Protein backbone atom coordinates (compact mmCIF):
# COMPACT_ATOMS: atom_id res chain seq x y z
CA MET A 1 119.16 101.59 74.48
CA GLU A 2 116.30 104.09 74.70
CA THR A 3 113.67 102.92 77.18
CA GLN A 4 110.08 104.02 77.57
CA ILE A 5 108.51 103.51 81.02
CA LEU A 6 104.73 103.15 80.76
CA LEU A 7 103.37 103.80 84.24
CA ILE A 8 99.67 102.98 84.47
CA SER A 9 97.28 104.50 86.98
CA ALA A 10 93.56 103.81 87.36
CA ASP A 11 92.65 106.03 90.32
CA HIS A 12 95.99 105.26 91.96
CA GLY A 13 97.17 108.85 92.33
CA HIS A 14 98.08 108.27 95.98
CA LEU A 15 100.52 105.55 94.91
CA LEU A 16 101.66 107.39 91.79
CA GLU A 17 102.94 110.13 94.09
CA TYR A 18 105.69 107.68 95.06
CA SER A 19 106.09 105.37 92.07
CA LEU A 20 106.40 108.21 89.54
CA PRO A 21 109.44 109.94 91.14
CA ALA A 22 111.13 106.53 91.45
CA ALA A 23 110.54 105.91 87.74
CA LEU A 24 111.71 109.39 86.74
CA ALA A 25 114.92 108.84 88.70
CA GLN A 26 115.95 105.98 86.39
CA PRO A 27 118.63 107.27 83.99
CA GLY A 28 118.08 106.91 80.26
CA ALA A 29 114.32 106.56 80.30
CA GLU A 30 111.29 108.57 79.25
CA VAL A 31 108.28 108.13 81.52
CA THR A 32 104.69 108.25 80.33
CA VAL A 33 101.83 108.13 82.83
CA ILE A 34 98.92 106.16 81.37
CA ASP A 35 95.87 107.68 83.01
CA ASN A 36 93.17 105.03 82.67
CA ALA A 37 90.18 107.37 83.04
CA SER A 38 91.15 108.28 86.59
CA SER A 39 88.90 110.57 88.60
CA ASP A 40 91.48 111.20 91.32
CA ALA A 41 94.72 113.19 91.49
CA THR A 42 96.51 111.18 88.79
CA PRO A 43 96.67 114.09 86.26
CA ALA A 44 97.84 116.50 88.95
CA VAL A 45 100.57 114.13 90.12
CA ALA A 46 101.83 113.67 86.56
CA ALA A 47 101.87 117.45 86.02
CA LYS A 48 103.56 118.08 89.36
CA HIS A 49 106.48 115.85 88.43
CA GLY A 50 106.66 116.96 84.80
CA ALA A 51 105.90 113.56 83.33
CA ARG A 52 104.21 112.97 80.01
CA HIS A 53 100.51 112.35 80.63
CA MET A 54 98.43 110.13 78.34
CA ARG A 55 94.77 110.17 79.32
CA LEU A 56 92.21 107.56 78.28
CA GLU A 57 88.74 109.06 78.55
CA ASN A 58 87.03 105.71 79.09
CA ARG A 59 88.22 103.04 81.54
CA VAL A 60 89.59 100.01 79.72
CA SER A 61 91.35 96.84 80.80
CA TRP A 62 94.98 96.72 81.86
CA ALA A 63 95.83 94.97 78.60
CA ALA A 64 93.99 97.51 76.44
CA ALA A 65 95.48 100.53 78.21
CA ASN A 66 99.00 99.22 77.80
CA ASN A 67 98.37 98.38 74.14
CA VAL A 68 97.34 101.99 73.48
CA ALA A 69 100.49 103.28 75.18
CA ILE A 70 102.79 100.82 73.40
CA GLU A 71 101.39 102.00 70.06
CA ALA A 72 101.69 105.69 70.95
CA THR A 73 105.28 105.67 72.20
CA SER A 74 108.73 104.85 70.89
CA GLY A 75 111.95 103.46 72.32
CA ASP A 76 114.00 100.30 71.89
CA ALA A 77 112.71 98.90 75.20
CA VAL A 78 109.43 99.22 77.07
CA LEU A 79 108.95 98.88 80.82
CA LEU A 80 105.36 98.13 81.77
CA LEU A 81 104.92 99.40 85.31
CA ASN A 82 101.96 99.51 87.67
CA ALA A 83 101.43 102.48 89.96
CA ASP A 84 101.69 100.18 92.98
CA CYS A 85 105.25 99.17 92.06
CA PHE A 86 108.16 101.25 93.36
CA LEU A 87 111.52 101.01 91.58
CA GLU A 88 114.75 101.09 93.53
CA PRO A 89 117.75 103.13 92.28
CA GLY A 90 119.63 101.28 89.56
CA PHE A 91 116.61 99.18 88.58
CA LEU A 92 116.61 100.03 84.89
CA GLU A 93 120.37 99.78 84.47
CA ALA A 94 120.35 96.27 85.95
CA ALA A 95 117.26 95.14 84.04
CA GLY A 96 118.61 96.53 80.79
CA ARG A 97 121.61 94.22 80.95
CA GLY A 98 119.24 91.33 80.33
CA LEU A 99 118.44 92.70 76.89
CA ASP A 100 122.10 92.61 75.83
CA ASP A 101 121.32 89.12 74.53
CA PRO A 102 119.41 89.68 71.27
CA GLY A 103 117.36 86.51 71.83
CA VAL A 104 115.81 87.84 75.04
CA ALA A 105 112.35 89.36 74.77
CA SER A 106 111.73 90.25 78.41
CA VAL A 107 113.47 90.76 81.72
CA ALA A 108 111.82 89.85 85.02
CA PRO A 109 113.06 91.87 88.02
CA ARG A 110 113.15 90.81 91.66
CA LEU A 111 109.90 92.13 93.11
CA LEU A 112 109.63 92.27 96.89
CA ARG A 113 106.40 92.50 98.84
CA THR A 114 105.24 95.69 100.50
CA ASN A 115 102.01 96.93 102.05
CA GLY A 116 102.44 100.45 100.72
CA PRO A 117 104.86 103.05 99.38
CA HIS A 118 106.67 103.70 102.66
CA PRO A 119 109.70 101.71 103.90
CA ALA A 120 107.79 100.77 107.06
CA GLY A 121 105.41 98.69 104.96
CA ARG A 122 108.08 96.57 103.34
CA LEU A 123 108.04 92.83 103.96
CA ASP A 124 111.07 90.58 104.03
CA SER A 125 109.78 88.31 101.29
CA ILE A 126 109.66 87.82 97.54
CA ASP A 127 106.63 88.99 95.59
CA CYS A 128 107.76 87.58 92.26
CA ALA A 129 111.01 86.25 90.81
CA GLY A 130 109.71 85.68 87.31
CA MET A 131 106.55 83.82 86.41
CA VAL A 132 106.16 80.07 86.33
CA VAL A 133 103.80 78.01 84.16
CA ASP A 134 103.73 74.41 85.33
CA ARG A 135 102.79 71.20 83.50
CA ARG A 136 99.14 71.71 84.47
CA ARG A 137 99.30 75.00 82.52
CA LYS A 138 98.77 76.88 85.76
CA ASN A 139 100.71 80.09 86.17
CA ARG A 140 102.06 81.34 89.48
CA LEU A 141 104.43 83.91 90.94
CA GLY A 142 107.91 82.45 91.13
CA GLY A 143 109.33 82.52 94.65
CA PHE A 144 106.28 84.15 96.22
CA GLY A 145 106.68 84.32 100.00
CA SER A 146 110.33 83.21 100.01
CA PRO A 147 112.92 85.27 101.93
CA ALA A 148 113.81 88.53 100.21
CA LEU A 149 117.44 87.52 99.70
CA ALA A 150 116.54 84.26 97.98
CA TYR A 151 116.61 83.91 94.20
CA ASP A 152 119.76 85.99 93.84
CA THR A 153 121.12 84.37 90.66
CA PRO A 154 120.44 85.72 87.16
CA CYS A 155 118.88 82.95 85.09
CA GLU A 156 116.27 82.07 82.51
CA VAL A 157 112.57 82.07 83.50
CA PHE A 158 109.30 81.45 81.67
CA GLY A 159 108.39 85.13 81.54
CA ALA A 160 108.02 88.43 83.37
CA ASP A 161 105.14 89.53 85.58
CA GLY A 162 103.33 92.56 84.19
CA ALA A 163 103.56 94.59 87.40
CA ALA A 164 107.08 95.51 86.27
CA ALA A 165 108.32 93.90 83.08
CA LEU A 166 111.00 95.14 80.69
CA TYR A 167 110.41 94.18 77.05
CA ARG A 168 112.36 94.52 73.84
CA ARG A 169 110.09 96.51 71.55
CA SER A 170 110.99 94.47 68.48
CA ALA A 171 109.90 91.35 70.39
CA LEU A 172 106.56 92.96 71.24
CA ASP A 173 106.10 93.80 67.56
CA ASP A 174 106.91 90.20 66.65
CA CYS A 175 104.39 88.88 69.19
CA ARG A 176 101.52 91.02 67.95
CA LEU A 177 98.42 88.98 67.05
CA GLN A 178 95.24 90.40 65.55
CA GLY A 179 96.79 93.84 65.96
CA GLN A 180 97.32 93.45 69.71
CA VAL A 181 100.44 92.87 71.81
CA LEU A 182 98.41 92.00 74.92
CA ASP A 183 95.17 90.11 74.33
CA GLU A 184 92.44 92.57 75.25
CA GLY A 185 89.86 89.79 75.31
CA MET A 186 91.56 88.43 78.41
CA GLU A 187 91.06 91.84 80.07
CA SER A 188 93.63 91.69 82.86
CA TRP A 189 94.70 88.59 84.72
CA ALA A 190 97.21 86.40 82.85
CA SER A 191 97.43 88.51 79.70
CA ASP A 192 101.11 88.93 80.60
CA VAL A 193 101.45 85.14 80.92
CA ASP A 194 99.78 84.71 77.55
CA LEU A 195 102.29 87.13 76.02
CA ALA A 196 105.20 85.25 77.60
CA TRP A 197 103.92 81.92 76.27
CA ARG A 198 103.41 83.36 72.78
CA ALA A 199 106.92 84.83 72.83
CA ARG A 200 108.25 81.39 73.75
CA ARG A 201 106.42 79.83 70.82
CA LEU A 202 108.03 82.42 68.54
CA GLY A 203 111.51 81.53 69.80
CA TRP A 204 112.09 84.36 72.29
CA ARG A 205 113.42 83.87 75.81
CA SER A 206 112.99 85.63 79.16
CA VAL A 207 115.56 86.17 81.90
CA TYR A 208 115.43 87.02 85.59
CA GLU A 209 117.67 89.80 86.91
CA PRO A 210 117.72 89.94 90.73
CA ALA A 211 119.75 93.17 90.79
CA ALA A 212 116.74 94.94 89.27
CA LEU A 213 114.85 95.51 92.51
CA ALA A 214 111.38 96.94 93.12
CA TYR A 215 108.70 96.78 95.81
CA HIS A 216 105.16 95.83 94.85
CA VAL A 217 101.75 96.01 96.53
CA ARG A 218 100.26 92.79 95.14
CA SER A 219 96.47 93.01 94.79
CA TYR A 220 95.98 89.42 93.59
CA SER A 221 98.19 86.73 95.10
CA PRO A 222 97.85 83.43 96.95
CA SER A 223 97.51 85.42 100.18
CA THR A 224 94.84 87.86 98.89
CA ARG A 225 92.79 85.70 96.54
CA LYS A 226 89.91 85.19 98.98
CA ARG A 227 89.39 88.95 99.18
CA MET A 228 89.19 89.46 95.43
CA PRO A 229 85.79 90.04 93.78
CA GLU A 230 84.18 86.93 92.34
CA ARG A 231 84.37 88.36 88.82
CA GLU A 232 88.14 88.79 89.06
CA ARG A 233 88.60 85.22 90.24
CA ARG A 234 86.37 83.97 87.44
CA ILE A 235 88.39 85.87 84.81
CA GLN A 236 91.61 84.39 86.13
CA PHE A 237 90.09 80.88 86.08
CA ARG A 238 88.73 81.40 82.54
CA ASN A 239 91.89 82.81 81.04
CA ARG A 240 93.88 79.65 81.67
CA TYR A 241 91.70 77.85 79.13
CA LEU A 242 92.04 80.66 76.60
CA MET A 243 95.83 80.57 76.91
CA MET A 244 95.86 76.83 76.34
CA VAL A 245 93.69 77.08 73.23
CA LYS A 246 95.85 79.84 71.77
CA ASN A 247 99.32 78.60 72.64
CA ASP A 248 99.48 74.89 73.42
CA THR A 249 100.85 72.34 70.93
CA ALA A 250 100.53 68.63 70.27
CA ALA A 251 103.14 68.18 73.00
CA VAL A 252 100.29 68.70 75.47
CA VAL A 253 99.71 64.93 75.31
CA ARG A 254 102.81 64.47 77.50
CA ASP A 255 101.10 66.38 80.27
CA LEU A 256 97.56 65.04 79.96
CA LEU A 257 97.74 63.26 83.31
CA PRO A 258 98.62 66.32 85.46
CA ILE A 259 96.23 68.47 83.42
CA ALA A 260 93.36 66.01 83.84
CA ALA A 261 94.06 65.66 87.56
CA TRP A 262 93.94 69.43 87.95
CA GLU A 263 90.72 69.69 85.93
CA VAL A 264 88.99 67.18 88.20
CA ALA A 265 90.26 68.92 91.34
CA SER A 266 89.42 72.45 90.17
CA PHE A 267 85.94 71.47 88.98
CA GLY A 268 85.26 69.81 92.33
CA TRP A 269 86.49 72.91 94.14
CA ALA A 270 84.21 75.11 92.05
CA VAL A 271 81.18 72.92 92.73
CA VAL A 272 81.78 72.68 96.47
CA ARG A 273 83.48 75.96 97.44
CA GLU A 274 83.29 78.61 94.69
CA ARG A 275 80.25 78.00 92.52
CA HIS A 276 80.70 81.35 90.79
CA LEU A 277 83.73 79.85 89.03
CA LEU A 278 81.44 77.54 87.06
CA GLY A 279 80.49 80.54 84.94
CA ALA A 280 84.08 80.65 83.68
CA TYR A 281 83.47 77.57 81.54
CA GLY A 282 80.70 79.32 79.62
CA GLU A 283 82.72 82.52 79.33
CA ALA A 284 85.66 80.58 77.89
CA ALA A 285 83.36 78.83 75.42
CA ARG A 286 81.96 82.17 74.20
CA ARG A 287 85.49 83.44 73.62
CA LEU A 288 86.61 80.26 71.90
CA PRO A 289 86.21 81.59 68.32
CA ASP A 290 88.53 84.53 69.03
CA ALA A 291 91.05 82.22 70.71
CA LEU A 292 90.99 79.86 67.72
CA ARG A 293 91.56 82.76 65.33
CA ALA A 294 94.57 83.86 67.39
CA ARG A 295 95.85 80.28 67.39
CA SER A 296 95.52 80.08 63.62
CA GLN A 297 97.36 83.36 63.12
CA LEU A 298 100.15 82.24 65.45
CA ARG A 299 100.51 78.96 63.54
CA ARG A 300 100.90 80.90 60.29
CA ARG A 301 103.55 83.09 61.89
CA LEU A 302 105.46 80.02 63.03
CA ARG A 303 105.95 78.61 59.55
CA GLY A 304 109.64 78.29 58.81
CA ARG A 305 110.67 78.78 62.44
CA PRO A 306 112.20 75.88 64.40
CA PRO A 307 109.79 74.68 67.11
CA PRO A 308 111.15 75.69 70.53
CA THR A 309 110.79 73.64 73.69
CA ILE A 310 108.38 75.37 76.07
CA PRO A 311 109.91 75.23 79.58
CA PHE A 312 106.88 74.35 81.69
CA GLY A 313 107.90 74.33 85.35
CA LEU A 314 111.00 76.46 84.78
CA GLU A 315 111.68 78.53 87.88
CA ALA A 316 114.36 81.01 88.92
CA ILE A 317 117.36 79.55 90.72
CA ARG A 318 116.95 79.86 94.45
């Protein structure tokens, strides 16, 4: 299976210096550096290591940059990779085994936490063992903070985190809505979750492969959230509503109690502790027409397909 590694850098040349050689060392893959209008050494690092360099002249969102690269490249499989994620030897071989099942759209690797590209910065804990979407429709990093050797069993998960996610290209093509694989209206946070949910609706599955190992510098996590700019937190808060509008079904009535409880709690938190989050409600409302159009297109695509059960709360086996 021919694999294209799309390694995105937005002024992350100092990290690309380490993540690019690790990606190039994976057998059977072509590596493309997506230069998201960087003003640092990103082009020089790509040239130094002989990697294909795709430059975007204007800075766009993570989702938009990856969409451009997906359209411009080929290969049976696509690995979306952030510059702050460092693949271990054998990563791609292990992850690729997950796509042997033709019903699998994505493979989630075992991501471990690190403070930087050097071994001295590595932490003995899980960064992500597949993503989880619970009955409240809240997404989280599976296994975050657990011991590094936990979650060592291959299994099914809800989806793969976009920091390092291996996709079957035909599944990405199947999941395309309004001409986009990743929803550019969501900008960054949770656009990978939205894709995973949409793939589930279309009958695709995702698996977790712990032998596919990488280290990741997580910029937004439960332990770093307080340090994130207010705008980033507001986008993350807003995008949950957009995902629900686009992807949820009538089965949502089964989970109305946990959803309502979360809505009350999160609104109270916003009023008392993070008033900037209140703006997310208006932002979601302004994006509602686009979300409804995507929902309508997805419903048309689903005609004739058996309705799958969406595994809310599914988590990797510890």
